[in-house]
C-alpha cells in the first residue's frame, strides 16, 4: 500500500469512529463537506497566524513544527472530504496529474484557456 492510500485508509477509519462515537451518522455528505470546508478555513487561519502576517505586530521566530502541524490538520479535513465524495487515493492522484498537466499547458500557452501564459523572456 502506498502512503497516500494509507492516509485515506486511516482517515476513513477515523471518520467512521468519529461518526459512531459522536452520533453523527445522520449528517448528509453535503453537510459534512460544508463543515469540513469551515474546518479547513479555520486551520488556514491558524497556519496564517504562524507566518507573521500581522504587520502591526513585532515578528516572532517562525515555528516550522507548528506550520507543519497546521498543514497536516488541513490534510486530515481535505482527505475526509475526498472520501465523502467517493474519491479514492488513486482518483486524487490521477486528478492531480491531469490538473498539473493542464496548469503547465496554461502557463506555456498550450491550453484552450488563455490568459495564463508565462511572459516571454
PDB file of N, CA and C in Angstrom:
ATOM      1  N   UNK A   1       0.853  -1.180   0.000  1.00  0.00           N
ATOM      2  CA  UNK A   1       0.000   0.000   0.000  1.00  0.00           C
ATOM      3  C   UNK A   1       0.897   1.240   0.000  1.00  0.00           C
ATOM      4  N   UNK A   2       0.570   2.173  -0.875  1.00  0.00           N
ATOM      5  CA  UNK A   2       1.383   3.392  -0.896  1.00  0.00           C
ATOM      6  C   UNK A   2       0.939   4.341   0.216  1.00  0.00           C
ATOM      7  N   UNK A   3       1.696   5.382   0.419  1.00  0.00           N
ATOM      8  CA  UNK A   3       1.452   6.285   1.546  1.00  0.00           C
ATOM      9  C   UNK A   3       0.124   7.026   1.434  1.00  0.00           C
ATOM     10  N   UNK A   4      -0.220   7.474   0.235  1.00  0.00           N
ATOM     11  CA  UNK A   4      -1.482   8.188   0.078  1.00  0.00           C
ATOM     12  C   UNK A   4      -2.663   7.260   0.359  1.00  0.00           C
ATOM     13  N   UNK A   5      -2.596   6.035  -0.139  1.00  0.00           N
ATOM     14  CA  UNK A   5      -3.653   5.065   0.155  1.00  0.00           C
ATOM     15  C   UNK A   5      -3.753   4.818   1.657  1.00  0.00           C
ATOM     16  N   UNK A   6      -2.605   4.748   2.321  1.00  0.00           N
ATOM     17  CA  UNK A   6      -2.592   4.533   3.766  1.00  0.00           C
ATOM     18  C   UNK A   6      -3.257   5.702   4.492  1.00  0.00           C
ATOM     19  N   UNK A   7      -2.968   6.921   4.066  1.00  0.00           N
ATOM     20  CA  UNK A   7      -3.608   8.107   4.648  1.00  0.00           C
ATOM     21  C   UNK A   7      -5.122   8.014   4.480  1.00  0.00           C
ATOM     22  N   UNK A   8      -5.575   7.660   3.286  1.00  0.00           N
ATOM     23  CA  UNK A   8      -7.014   7.529   3.035  1.00  0.00           C
ATOM     24  C   UNK A   8      -7.627   6.458   3.940  1.00  0.00           C
ATOM     25  N   UNK A   9      -6.939   5.349   4.098  1.00  0.00           N
ATOM     26  CA  UNK A   9      -7.437   4.262   4.943  1.00  0.00           C
ATOM     27  C   UNK A   9      -7.551   4.718   6.402  1.00  0.00           C
ATOM     28  N   UNK A  10      -6.524   5.376   6.902  1.00  0.00           N
ATOM     29  CA  UNK A  10      -6.544   5.861   8.286  1.00  0.00           C
ATOM     30  C   UNK A  10      -7.638   6.902   8.493  1.00  0.00           C
ATOM     31  N   UNK A  11      -7.801   7.797   7.520  1.00  0.00           N
ATOM     32  CA  UNK A  11      -8.815   8.839   7.656  1.00  0.00           C
ATOM     33  C   UNK A  11     -10.218   8.245   7.623  1.00  0.00           C
ATOM     34  N   UNK A  12     -10.439   7.272   6.757  1.00  0.00           N
ATOM     35  CA  UNK A  12     -11.756   6.621   6.693  1.00  0.00           C
ATOM     36  C   UNK A  12     -12.076   5.945   8.023  1.00  0.00           C
ATOM     37  N   UNK A  13     -11.093   5.299   8.606  1.00  0.00           N
ATOM     38  CA  UNK A  13     -11.287   4.644   9.899  1.00  0.00           C
ATOM     39  C   UNK A  13     -11.604   5.678  10.978  1.00  0.00           C
ATOM     40  N   UNK A  14     -10.878   6.803  10.971  1.00  0.00           N
ATOM     41  CA  UNK A  14     -11.131   7.861  11.950  1.00  0.00           C
ATOM     42  C   UNK A  14     -12.525   8.451  11.760  1.00  0.00           C
ATOM     43  N   UNK A  15     -12.876   8.757  10.508  1.00  0.00           N
ATOM     44  CA  UNK A  15     -14.191   9.349  10.223  1.00  0.00           C
ATOM     45  C   UNK A  15     -15.320   8.437  10.696  1.00  0.00           C
ATOM     46  N   UNK A  16     -15.168   7.144  10.448  1.00  0.00           N
ATOM     47  CA  UNK A  16     -16.192   6.183  10.859  1.00  0.00           C
ATOM     48  C   UNK A  16     -16.320   6.160  12.382  1.00  0.00           C
ATOM     49  N   UNK A  17     -15.196   6.111  13.081  1.00  0.00           N
ATOM     50  CA  UNK A  17     -15.222   6.099  14.547  1.00  0.00           C
ATOM     51  C   UNK A  17     -15.825   7.389  15.089  1.00  0.00           C
ATOM     52  N   UNK A  18     -15.467   8.506  14.494  1.00  0.00           N
ATOM     53  CA  UNK A  18     -15.997   9.800  14.931  1.00  0.00           C
ATOM     54  C   UNK A  18     -17.513   9.851  14.764  1.00  0.00           C
ATOM     55  N   UNK A  19     -17.990   9.423  13.602  1.00  0.00           N
ATOM     56  CA  UNK A  19     -19.431   9.445  13.333  1.00  0.00           C
ATOM     57  C   UNK A  19     -20.186   8.537  14.304  1.00  0.00           C
ATOM     58  N   UNK A  20     -19.616   7.381  14.598  1.00  0.00           N
ATOM     59  CA  UNK A  20     -20.275   6.447  15.514  1.00  0.00           C
ATOM     60  C   UNK A  20     -20.257   6.964  16.951  1.00  0.00           C
ATOM     61  N   UNK A  21     -19.104   7.386  17.426  1.00  0.00           N
ATOM     62  CA  UNK A  21     -18.948   7.764  18.836  1.00  0.00           C
ATOM     63  C   UNK A  21     -19.588   9.103  19.173  1.00  0.00           C
ATOM     64  N   UNK A  22     -19.760   9.955  18.169  1.00  0.00           N
ATOM     65  CA  UNK A  22     -20.371  11.266  18.410  1.00  0.00           C
ATOM     66  C   UNK A  22     -21.795  11.350  17.842  1.00  0.00           C
ATOM     67  N   UNK A  23     -22.333  10.192  17.433  1.00  0.00           N
ATOM     68  CA  UNK A  23     -23.702  10.126  16.891  1.00  0.00           C
ATOM     69  C   UNK A  23     -23.904  11.100  15.730  1.00  0.00           C
ATOM     70  N   UNK A  24     -23.032  11.008  14.751  1.00  0.00           N
ATOM     71  CA  UNK A  24     -23.070  11.913  13.600  1.00  0.00           C
ATOM     72  C   UNK A  24     -23.416  11.201  12.297  1.00  0.00           C
ATOM     73  N   UNK A  25     -23.847   9.956  12.382  1.00  0.00           N
ATOM     74  CA  UNK A  25     -24.126   9.187  11.166  1.00  0.00           C
ATOM     75  C   UNK A  25     -25.263   9.773  10.340  1.00  0.00           C
ATOM     76  N   UNK A  26     -26.121  10.553  10.943  1.00  0.00           N
ATOM     77  CA  UNK A  26     -27.281  11.127  10.255  1.00  0.00           C
ATOM     78  C   UNK A  26     -26.906  12.311   9.362  1.00  0.00           C
ATOM     79  N   UNK A  27     -25.693  12.816   9.489  1.00  0.00           N
ATOM     80  CA  UNK A  27     -25.299  14.003   8.723  1.00  0.00           C
ATOM     81  C   UNK A  27     -25.045  13.616   7.267  1.00  0.00           C
ATOM     82  N   UNK A  28     -25.679  14.330   6.358  1.00  0.00           N
ATOM     83  CA  UNK A  28     -25.539  14.062   4.921  1.00  0.00           C
ATOM     84  C   UNK A  28     -24.136  14.448   4.451  1.00  0.00           C
ATOM     85  N   UNK A  29     -23.636  13.763   3.418  1.00  0.00           N
ATOM     86  CA  UNK A  29     -22.301  14.088   2.907  1.00  0.00           C
ATOM     87  C   UNK A  29     -22.131  15.568   2.552  1.00  0.00           C
ATOM     88  N   UNK A  30     -23.173  16.186   1.989  1.00  0.00           N
ATOM     89  CA  UNK A  30     -23.067  17.599   1.610  1.00  0.00           C
ATOM     90  C   UNK A  30     -22.847  18.481   2.842  1.00  0.00           C
ATOM     91  N   UNK A  31     -23.515  18.136   3.936  1.00  0.00           N
ATOM     92  CA  UNK A  31     -23.339  18.908   5.174  1.00  0.00           C
ATOM     93  C   UNK A  31     -21.945  18.678   5.757  1.00  0.00           C
ATOM     94  N   UNK A  32     -21.459  17.434   5.648  1.00  0.00           N
ATOM     95  CA  UNK A  32     -20.093  17.156   6.094  1.00  0.00           C
ATOM     96  C   UNK A  32     -19.106  18.022   5.326  1.00  0.00           C
ATOM     97  N   UNK A  33     -19.298  18.119   4.015  1.00  0.00           N
ATOM     98  CA  UNK A  33     -18.390  18.921   3.193  1.00  0.00           C
ATOM     99  C   UNK A  33     -18.395  20.365   3.683  1.00  0.00           C
ATOM    100  N   UNK A  34     -19.580  20.907   3.944  1.00  0.00           N
ATOM    101  CA  UNK A  34     -19.664  22.283   4.454  1.00  0.00           C
ATOM    102  C   UNK A  34     -18.889  22.432   5.755  1.00  0.00           C
ATOM    103  N   UNK A  35     -19.085  21.499   6.662  1.00  0.00           N
ATOM    104  CA  UNK A  35     -18.409  21.556   7.958  1.00  0.00           C
ATOM    105  C   UNK A  35     -16.895  21.444   7.791  1.00  0.00           C
ATOM    106  N   UNK A  36     -16.475  20.578   6.898  1.00  0.00           N
ATOM    107  CA  UNK A  36     -15.036  20.381   6.713  1.00  0.00           C
ATOM    108  C   UNK A  36     -14.393  21.548   5.972  1.00  0.00           C
ATOM    109  N   UNK A  37     -15.113  22.185   5.076  1.00  0.00           N
ATOM    110  CA  UNK A  37     -14.587  23.405   4.449  1.00  0.00           C
ATOM    111  C   UNK A  37     -14.369  24.468   5.522  1.00  0.00           C
ATOM    112  N   UNK A  38     -15.336  24.630   6.408  1.00  0.00           N
ATOM    113  CA  UNK A  38     -15.182  25.596   7.502  1.00  0.00           C
ATOM    114  C   UNK A  38     -14.003  25.228   8.397  1.00  0.00           C
ATOM    115  N   UNK A  39     -13.831  23.940   8.656  1.00  0.00           N
ATOM    116  CA  UNK A  39     -12.700  23.499   9.471  1.00  0.00           C
ATOM    117  C   UNK A  39     -11.378  23.826   8.778  1.00  0.00           C
ATOM    118  N   UNK A  40     -11.325  23.634   7.464  1.00  0.00           N
ATOM    119  CA  UNK A  40     -10.103  23.966   6.721  1.00  0.00           C
ATOM    120  C   UNK A  40      -9.843  25.463   6.775  1.00  0.00           C
ATOM    121  N   UNK A  41     -10.881  26.264   6.626  1.00  0.00           N
ATOM    122  CA  UNK A  41     -10.713  27.722   6.719  1.00  0.00           C
ATOM    123  C   UNK A  41     -10.140  28.081   8.087  1.00  0.00           C
ATOM    124  N   UNK A  42     -10.651  27.456   9.133  1.00  0.00           N
ATOM    125  CA  UNK A  42     -10.141  27.700  10.482  1.00  0.00           C
ATOM    126  C   UNK A  42      -8.672  27.299  10.590  1.00  0.00           C
ATOM    127  N   UNK A  43      -8.342  26.129  10.053  1.00  0.00           N
ATOM    128  CA  UNK A  43      -6.951  25.663  10.093  1.00  0.00           C
ATOM    129  C   UNK A  43      -6.040  26.562   9.259  1.00  0.00           C
ATOM    130  N   UNK A  44      -6.550  27.065   8.138  1.00  0.00           N
ATOM    131  CA  UNK A  44      -5.759  28.008   7.340  1.00  0.00           C
ATOM    132  C   UNK A  44      -5.471  29.275   8.132  1.00  0.00           C
ATOM    133  N   UNK A  45      -6.450  29.723   8.916  1.00  0.00           N
ATOM    134  CA  UNK A  45      -6.232  30.876   9.782  1.00  0.00           C
ATOM    135  C   UNK A  45      -5.146  30.598  10.803  1.00  0.00           C
ATOM    136  N   UNK A  46      -5.154  29.394  11.374  1.00  0.00           N
ATOM    137  CA  UNK A  46      -4.116  29.017  12.330  1.00  0.00           C
ATOM    138  C   UNK A  46      -2.753  28.965  11.649  1.00  0.00           C
ATOM    139  N   UNK A  47      -2.725  28.450  10.428  1.00  0.00           N
ATOM    140  CA  UNK A  47      -1.480  28.418   9.657  1.00  0.00           C
ATOM    141  C   UNK A  47      -0.981  29.836   9.399  1.00  0.00           C
ATOM    142  N   UNK A  48      -1.883  30.696   8.995  1.00  0.00           N
ATOM    143  CA  UNK A  48      -1.531  32.087   8.727  1.00  0.00           C
ATOM    144  C   UNK A  48      -0.989  32.770   9.974  1.00  0.00           C
ATOM    145  N   UNK A  49      -1.586  32.488  11.122  1.00  0.00           N
ATOM    146  CA  UNK A  49      -1.112  33.082  12.375  1.00  0.00           C
ATOM    147  C   UNK A  49       0.340  32.722  12.676  1.00  0.00           C
ATOM    148  N   UNK A  50       0.783  31.590  12.170  1.00  0.00           N
ATOM    149  CA  UNK A  50       2.164  31.149  12.413  1.00  0.00           C
ATOM    150  C   UNK A  50       3.175  31.806  11.475  1.00  0.00           C
ATOM    151  N   UNK A  51       2.718  32.627  10.530  1.00  0.00           N
ATOM    152  CA  UNK A  51       3.622  33.154   9.495  1.00  0.00           C
ATOM    153  C   UNK A  51       3.962  34.628   9.625  1.00  0.00           C
ATOM    154  N   UNK A  52       3.628  35.251  10.736  1.00  0.00           N
ATOM    155  CA  UNK A  52       3.940  36.671  10.950  1.00  0.00           C
ATOM    156  C   UNK A  52       3.281  37.580   9.926  1.00  0.00           C
ATOM    157  N   UNK A  53       2.054  37.288   9.546  1.00  0.00           N
ATOM    158  CA  UNK A  53       1.398  38.134   8.551  1.00  0.00           C
ATOM    159  C   UNK A  53       0.916  39.456   9.136  1.00  0.00           C
ATOM    160  N   UNK A  54       0.843  39.540  10.452  1.00  0.00           N
ATOM    161  CA  UNK A  54       0.332  40.758  11.097  1.00  0.00           C
ATOM    162  C   UNK A  54       1.427  41.823  11.111  1.00  0.00           C
ATOM    163  N   UNK A  55       1.383  42.708  10.137  1.00  0.00           N
ATOM    164  CA  UNK A  55       2.413  43.732  10.004  1.00  0.00           C
ATOM    165  C   UNK A  55       2.401  44.720  11.160  1.00  0.00           C
ATOM    166  N   UNK A  56       1.307  44.745  11.911  1.00  0.00           N
ATOM    167  CA  UNK A  56       1.176  45.684  13.020  1.00  0.00           C
ATOM    168  C   UNK A  56       1.754  45.135  14.328  1.00  0.00           C
ATOM    169  N   UNK A  57       2.290  43.904  14.275  1.00  0.00           N
ATOM    170  CA  UNK A  57       2.888  43.300  15.466  1.00  0.00           C
ATOM    171  C   UNK A  57       4.368  43.054  15.234  1.00  0.00           C
ATOM    172  N   UNK A  58       5.113  42.990  16.319  1.00  0.00           N
ATOM    173  CA  UNK A  58       6.521  42.618  16.210  1.00  0.00           C
ATOM    174  C   UNK A  58       6.604  41.152  15.801  1.00  0.00           C
ATOM    175  N   UNK A  59       7.417  40.850  14.799  1.00  0.00           N
ATOM    176  CA  UNK A  59       7.510  39.457  14.349  1.00  0.00           C
ATOM    177  C   UNK A  59       8.163  38.575  15.411  1.00  0.00           C
ATOM    178  N   UNK A  60       7.758  37.331  15.395  1.00  0.00           N
ATOM    179  CA  UNK A  60       8.357  36.330  16.270  1.00  0.00           C
ATOM    180  C   UNK A  60       9.019  35.281  15.387  1.00  0.00           C
ATOM    181  N   UNK A  61       9.918  34.496  15.934  1.00  0.00           N
ATOM    182  CA  UNK A  61      10.514  33.434  15.112  1.00  0.00           C
ATOM    183  C   UNK A  61       9.425  32.490  14.602  1.00  0.00           C
ATOM    184  N   UNK A  62       9.525  32.116  13.342  1.00  0.00           N
ATOM    185  CA  UNK A  62       8.540  31.210  12.748  1.00  0.00           C
ATOM    186  C   UNK A  62       8.808  29.799  13.263  1.00  0.00           C
ATOM    187  N   UNK A  63       7.758  29.176  13.757  1.00  0.00           N
ATOM    188  CA  UNK A  63       7.837  27.828  14.300  1.00  0.00           C
ATOM    189  C   UNK A  63       7.515  26.840  13.177  1.00  0.00           C
ATOM    190  N   UNK A  64       8.548  26.262  12.589  1.00  0.00           N
ATOM    191  CA  UNK A  64       8.360  25.342  11.464  1.00  0.00           C
ATOM    192  C   UNK A  64       7.523  24.126  11.858  1.00  0.00           C
ATOM    193  N   UNK A  65       7.699  23.640  13.075  1.00  0.00           N
ATOM    194  CA  UNK A  65       6.919  22.478  13.529  1.00  0.00           C
ATOM    195  C   UNK A  65       5.431  22.822  13.581  1.00  0.00           C
ATOM    196  N   UNK A  66       5.111  24.024  14.036  1.00  0.00           N
ATOM    197  CA  UNK A  66       3.703  24.443  14.091  1.00  0.00           C
ATOM    198  C   UNK A  66       3.133  24.591  12.686  1.00  0.00           C
ATOM    199  N   UNK A  67       3.917  25.115  11.752  1.00  0.00           N
ATOM    200  CA  UNK A  67       3.466  25.224  10.360  1.00  0.00           C
ATOM    201  C   UNK A  67       3.142  23.844   9.802  1.00  0.00           C
ATOM    202  N   UNK A  68       4.021  22.906  10.033  1.00  0.00           N
ATOM    203  CA  UNK A  68       3.806  21.544   9.535  1.00  0.00           C
ATOM    204  C   UNK A  68       2.567  20.906  10.164  1.00  0.00           C
ATOM    205  N   UNK A  69       2.392  21.144  11.459  1.00  0.00           N
ATOM    206  CA  UNK A  69       1.227  20.584  12.142  1.00  0.00           C
ATOM    207  C   UNK A  69      -0.072  21.127  11.556  1.00  0.00           C
ATOM    208  N   UNK A  70      -0.106  22.413  11.261  1.00  0.00           N
ATOM    209  CA  UNK A  70      -1.315  23.002  10.669  1.00  0.00           C
ATOM    210  C   UNK A  70      -1.567  22.426   9.278  1.00  0.00           C
ATOM    211  N   UNK A  71      -0.514  22.210   8.503  1.00  0.00           N
ATOM    212  CA  UNK A  71      -0.681  21.610   7.175  1.00  0.00           C
ATOM    213  C   UNK A  71      -1.254  20.196   7.284  1.00  0.00           C
ATOM    214  N   UNK A  72      -0.792  19.449   8.269  1.00  0.00           N
ATOM    215  CA  UNK A  72      -1.316  18.095   8.474  1.00  0.00           C
ATOM    216  C   UNK A  72      -2.785  18.156   8.892  1.00  0.00           C
ATOM    217  N   UNK A  73      -3.135  19.119   9.746  1.00  0.00           N
ATOM    218  CA  UNK A  73      -4.544  19.285  10.121  1.00  0.00           C
ATOM    219  C   UNK A  73      -5.407  19.537   8.883  1.00  0.00           C
ATOM    220  N   UNK A  74      -4.921  20.389   7.992  1.00  0.00           N
ATOM    221  CA  UNK A  74      -5.644  20.696   6.752  1.00  0.00           C
ATOM    222  C   UNK A  74      -5.797  19.433   5.905  1.00  0.00           C
ATOM    223  N   UNK A  75      -4.728  18.646   5.838  1.00  0.00           N
ATOM    224  CA  UNK A  75      -4.776  17.406   5.063  1.00  0.00           C
ATOM    225  C   UNK A  75      -5.847  16.454   5.605  1.00  0.00           C
ATOM    226  N   UNK A  76      -5.957  16.356   6.916  1.00  0.00           N
ATOM    227  CA  UNK A  76      -6.983  15.491   7.511  1.00  0.00           C
ATOM    228  C   UNK A  76      -8.369  15.842   6.972  1.00  0.00           C
ATOM    229  N   UNK A  77      -8.712  17.119   7.036  1.00  0.00           N
ATOM    230  CA  UNK A  77     -10.043  17.528   6.584  1.00  0.00           C
ATOM    231  C   UNK A  77     -10.187  17.374   5.069  1.00  0.00           C
ATOM    232  N   UNK A  78      -9.131  17.658   4.319  1.00  0.00           N
ATOM    233  CA  UNK A  78      -9.169  17.526   2.867  1.00  0.00           C
ATOM    234  C   UNK A  78      -9.420  16.074   2.462  1.00  0.00           C
ATOM    235  N   UNK A  79      -8.664  15.161   3.044  1.00  0.00           N
ATOM    236  CA  UNK A  79      -8.832  13.743   2.713  1.00  0.00           C
ATOM    237  C   UNK A  79     -10.218  13.261   3.130  1.00  0.00           C
ATOM    238  N   UNK A  80     -10.692  13.734   4.260  1.00  0.00           N
ATOM    239  CA  UNK A  80     -12.035  13.365   4.702  1.00  0.00           C
ATOM    240  C   UNK A  80     -13.081  13.783   3.666  1.00  0.00           C
ATOM    241  N   UNK A  81     -12.936  14.976   3.112  1.00  0.00           N
ATOM    242  CA  UNK A  81     -13.870  15.419   2.069  1.00  0.00           C
ATOM    243  C   UNK A  81     -13.764  14.542   0.835  1.00  0.00           C
ATOM    244  N   UNK A  82     -12.553  14.196   0.451  1.00  0.00           N
ATOM    245  CA  UNK A  82     -12.374  13.316  -0.709  1.00  0.00           C
ATOM    246  C   UNK A  82     -13.132  12.010  -0.501  1.00  0.00           C
ATOM    247  N   UNK A  83     -12.975  11.431   0.675  1.00  0.00           N
ATOM    248  CA  UNK A  83     -13.631  10.162   0.987  1.00  0.00           C
ATOM    249  C   UNK A  83     -15.146  10.313   0.918  1.00  0.00           C
ATOM    250  N   UNK A  84     -15.661  11.381   1.477  1.00  0.00           N
ATOM    251  CA  UNK A  84     -17.114  11.586   1.481  1.00  0.00           C
ATOM    252  C   UNK A  84     -17.666  11.799   0.073  1.00  0.00           C
ATOM    253  N   UNK A  85     -16.824  12.251  -0.839  1.00  0.00           N
ATOM    254  CA  UNK A  85     -17.237  12.408  -2.236  1.00  0.00           C
ATOM    255  C   UNK A  85     -16.994  11.142  -3.055  1.00  0.00           C
ATOM    256  N   UNK A  86     -16.536  10.082  -2.381  1.00  0.00           N
ATOM    257  CA  UNK A  86     -16.314   8.814  -3.058  1.00  0.00           C
ATOM    258  C   UNK A  86     -14.993   8.729  -3.796  1.00  0.00           C
ATOM    259  N   UNK A  87     -14.099   9.664  -3.549  1.00  0.00           N
ATOM    260  CA  UNK A  87     -12.789   9.635  -4.197  1.00  0.00           C
ATOM    261  C   UNK A  87     -11.864   8.667  -3.470  1.00  0.00           C
ATOM    262  N   UNK A  88     -11.059   7.981  -4.245  1.00  0.00           N
ATOM    263  CA  UNK A  88     -10.013   7.136  -3.682  1.00  0.00           C
ATOM    264  C   UNK A  88      -8.688   7.873  -3.792  1.00  0.00           C
ATOM    265  N   UNK A  89      -7.673   7.303  -3.168  1.00  0.00           N
ATOM    266  CA  UNK A  89      -6.335   7.874  -3.289  1.00  0.00           C
ATOM    267  C   UNK A  89      -5.910   7.893  -4.756  1.00  0.00           C
ATOM    268  N   UNK A  90      -6.254   6.852  -5.488  1.00  0.00           N
ATOM    269  CA  UNK A  90      -5.916   6.790  -6.915  1.00  0.00           C
ATOM    270  C   UNK A  90      -6.656   7.865  -7.701  1.00  0.00           C
ATOM    271  N   UNK A  91      -7.929   8.084  -7.381  1.00  0.00           N
ATOM    272  CA  UNK A  91      -8.693   9.150  -8.045  1.00  0.00           C
ATOM    273  C   UNK A  91      -8.029  10.506  -7.821  1.00  0.00           C
ATOM    274  N   UNK A  92      -7.626  10.764  -6.581  1.00  0.00           N
ATOM    275  CA  UNK A  92      -6.974  12.033  -6.262  1.00  0.00           C
ATOM    276  C   UNK A  92      -5.658  12.158  -7.014  1.00  0.00           C
ATOM    277  N   UNK A  93      -4.888  11.094  -7.037  1.00  0.00           N
ATOM    278  CA  UNK A  93      -3.602  11.097  -7.734  1.00  0.00           C
ATOM    279  C   UNK A  93      -3.790  11.367  -9.226  1.00  0.00           C
ATOM    280  N   UNK A  94      -4.720  10.660  -9.852  1.00  0.00           N
ATOM    281  CA  UNK A  94      -4.957  10.853 -11.285  1.00  0.00           C
ATOM    282  C   UNK A  94      -5.487  12.255 -11.569  1.00  0.00           C
ATOM    283  N   UNK A  95      -6.395  12.734 -10.725  1.00  0.00           N
ATOM    284  CA  UNK A  95      -6.903  14.094 -10.881  1.00  0.00           C
ATOM    285  C   UNK A  95      -5.799  15.122 -10.756  1.00  0.00           C
ATOM    286  N   UNK A  96      -4.876  14.891  -9.830  1.00  0.00           N
ATOM    287  CA  UNK A  96      -3.744  15.801  -9.660  1.00  0.00           C
ATOM    288  C   UNK A  96      -2.873  15.808 -10.914  1.00  0.00           C
ATOM    289  N   UNK A  97      -2.576  14.626 -11.442  1.00  0.00           N
ATOM    290  CA  UNK A  97      -1.745  14.549 -12.646  1.00  0.00           C
ATOM    291  C   UNK A  97      -2.383  15.309 -13.806  1.00  0.00           C
ATOM    292  N   UNK A  98      -3.685  15.117 -13.994  1.00  0.00           N
ATOM    293  CA  UNK A  98      -4.389  15.800 -15.086  1.00  0.00           C
ATOM    294  C   UNK A  98      -4.369  17.312 -14.898  1.00  0.00           C
ATOM    295  N   UNK A  99      -4.653  17.767 -13.688  1.00  0.00           N
ATOM    296  CA  UNK A  99      -4.693  19.208 -13.430  1.00  0.00           C
ATOM    297  C   UNK A  99      -3.296  19.819 -13.495  1.00  0.00           C
ATOM    298  N   UNK A 100      -2.290  19.081 -13.038  1.00  0.00           N
ATOM    299  CA  UNK A 100      -0.926  19.580 -13.112  1.00  0.00           C
ATOM    300  C   UNK A 100      -0.502  19.782 -14.560  1.00  0.00           C
ATOM    301  N   UNK A 101      -0.863  18.822 -15.425  1.00  0.00           N
ATOM    302  CA  UNK A 101      -0.549  18.960 -16.848  1.00  0.00           C
ATOM    303  C   UNK A 101      -1.264  20.173 -17.425  1.00  0.00           C
ATOM    304  N   UNK A 102      -2.541  20.335 -17.085  1.00  0.00           N
ATOM    305  CA  UNK A 102      -3.305  21.486 -17.574  1.00  0.00           C
ATOM    306  C   UNK A 102      -2.689  22.794 -17.088  1.00  0.00           C
ATOM    307  N   UNK A 103      -2.250  22.828 -15.841  1.00  0.00           N
ATOM    308  CA  UNK A 103      -1.621  24.046 -15.316  1.00  0.00           C
ATOM    309  C   UNK A 103      -0.363  24.398 -16.100  1.00  0.00           C
ATOM    310  N   UNK A 104       0.468  23.401 -16.403  1.00  0.00           N
ATOM    311  CA  UNK A 104       1.656  23.661 -17.219  1.00  0.00           C
ATOM    312  C   UNK A 104       1.257  24.102 -18.623  1.00  0.00           C
ATOM    313  N   UNK A 105       0.259  23.413 -19.209  1.00  0.00           N
ATOM    314  CA  UNK A 105      -0.202  23.791 -20.546  1.00  0.00           C
ATOM    315  C   UNK A 105      -0.683  25.236 -20.572  1.00  0.00           C
ATOM    316  N   UNK A 106      -1.399  25.658 -19.553  1.00  0.00           N
ATOM    317  CA  UNK A 106      -1.868  27.044 -19.486  1.00  0.00           C
ATOM    318  C   UNK A 106      -0.697  28.014 -19.439  1.00  0.00           C
ATOM    319  N   UNK A 107       0.261  27.729 -18.598  1.00  0.00           N
ATOM    320  CA  UNK A 107       1.408  28.627 -18.451  1.00  0.00           C
ATOM    321  C   UNK A 107       2.246  28.688 -19.725  1.00  0.00           C
ATOM    322  N   UNK A 108       2.250  27.602 -20.479  1.00  0.00           N
ATOM    323  CA  UNK A 108       3.044  27.527 -21.705  1.00  0.00           C
ATOM    324  C   UNK A 108       2.248  27.906 -22.951  1.00  0.00           C
ATOM    325  N   UNK A 109       1.011  28.368 -22.764  1.00  0.00           N
ATOM    326  CA  UNK A 109       0.190  28.783 -23.893  1.00  0.00           C
ATOM    327  C   UNK A 109      -0.320  27.632 -24.737  1.00  0.00           C
ATOM    328  N   UNK A 110      -0.409  26.433 -24.180  1.00  0.00           N
ATOM    329  CA  UNK A 110      -0.849  25.252 -24.922  1.00  0.00           C
ATOM    330  C   UNK A 110      -2.269  24.824 -24.560  1.00  0.00           C
ATOM    331  N   UNK A 111      -2.957  25.609 -23.769  1.00  0.00           N
ATOM    332  CA  UNK A 111      -4.294  25.263 -23.298  1.00  0.00           C
ATOM    333  C   UNK A 111      -5.345  26.034 -24.076  1.00  0.00           C
ATOM    334  N   UNK A 112      -6.563  25.509 -24.069  1.00  0.00           N
ATOM    335  CA  UNK A 112      -7.679  26.238 -24.673  1.00  0.00           C
ATOM    336  C   UNK A 112      -8.009  27.488 -23.862  1.00  0.00           C
ATOM    337  N   UNK A 113      -7.620  27.497 -22.592  1.00  0.00           N
ATOM    338  CA  UNK A 113      -7.837  28.671 -21.742  1.00  0.00           C
ATOM    339  C   UNK A 113      -6.648  29.611 -21.887  1.00  0.00           C
ATOM    340  N   UNK A 114      -6.946  30.837 -22.247  1.00  0.00           N
ATOM    341  CA  UNK A 114      -5.861  31.804 -22.427  1.00  0.00           C
ATOM    342  C   UNK A 114      -5.784  32.738 -21.227  1.00  0.00           C
ATOM    343  N   UNK A 115      -4.714  33.515 -21.188  1.00  0.00           N
ATOM    344  CA  UNK A 115      -4.537  34.499 -20.138  1.00  0.00           C
ATOM    345  C   UNK A 115      -3.641  34.031 -19.008  1.00  0.00           C
ATOM    346  N   UNK A 116      -3.072  32.855 -19.145  1.00  0.00           N
ATOM    347  CA  UNK A 116      -2.214  32.306 -18.100  1.00  0.00           C
ATOM    348  C   UNK A 116      -0.737  32.261 -18.517  1.00  0.00           C
ATOM    349  N   UNK A 117      -0.441  32.571 -19.751  1.00  0.00           N
ATOM    350  CA  UNK A 117       0.881  32.322 -20.309  1.00  0.00           C
ATOM    351  C   UNK A 117       1.971  33.065 -19.542  1.00  0.00           C
ATOM    352  N   UNK A 118       3.094  32.340 -19.349  1.00  0.00           N
ATOM    353  CA  UNK A 118       4.275  32.971 -18.772  1.00  0.00           C
ATOM    354  C   UNK A 118       4.758  34.036 -19.730  1.00  0.00           C
ATOM    355  N   UNK A 119       5.342  35.062 -19.180  1.00  0.00           N
ATOM    356  CA  UNK A 119       5.908  36.100 -20.045  1.00  0.00           C
ATOM    357  C   UNK A 119       7.129  35.547 -20.761  1.00  0.00           C
ATOM    358  N   UNK A 120       7.292  35.963 -21.998  1.00  0.00           N
ATOM    359  CA  UNK A 120       8.448  35.538 -22.777  1.00  0.00           C
ATOM    360  C   UNK A 120       9.661  36.295 -22.263  1.00  0.00           C
ATOM    361  N   UNK A 121      10.739  35.565 -22.020  1.00  0.00           N
ATOM    362  CA  UNK A 121      11.962  36.194 -21.502  1.00  0.00           C
ATOM    363  C   UNK A 121      12.847  36.664 -22.621  1.00  0.00           C
TER     364      UNK A 121
END
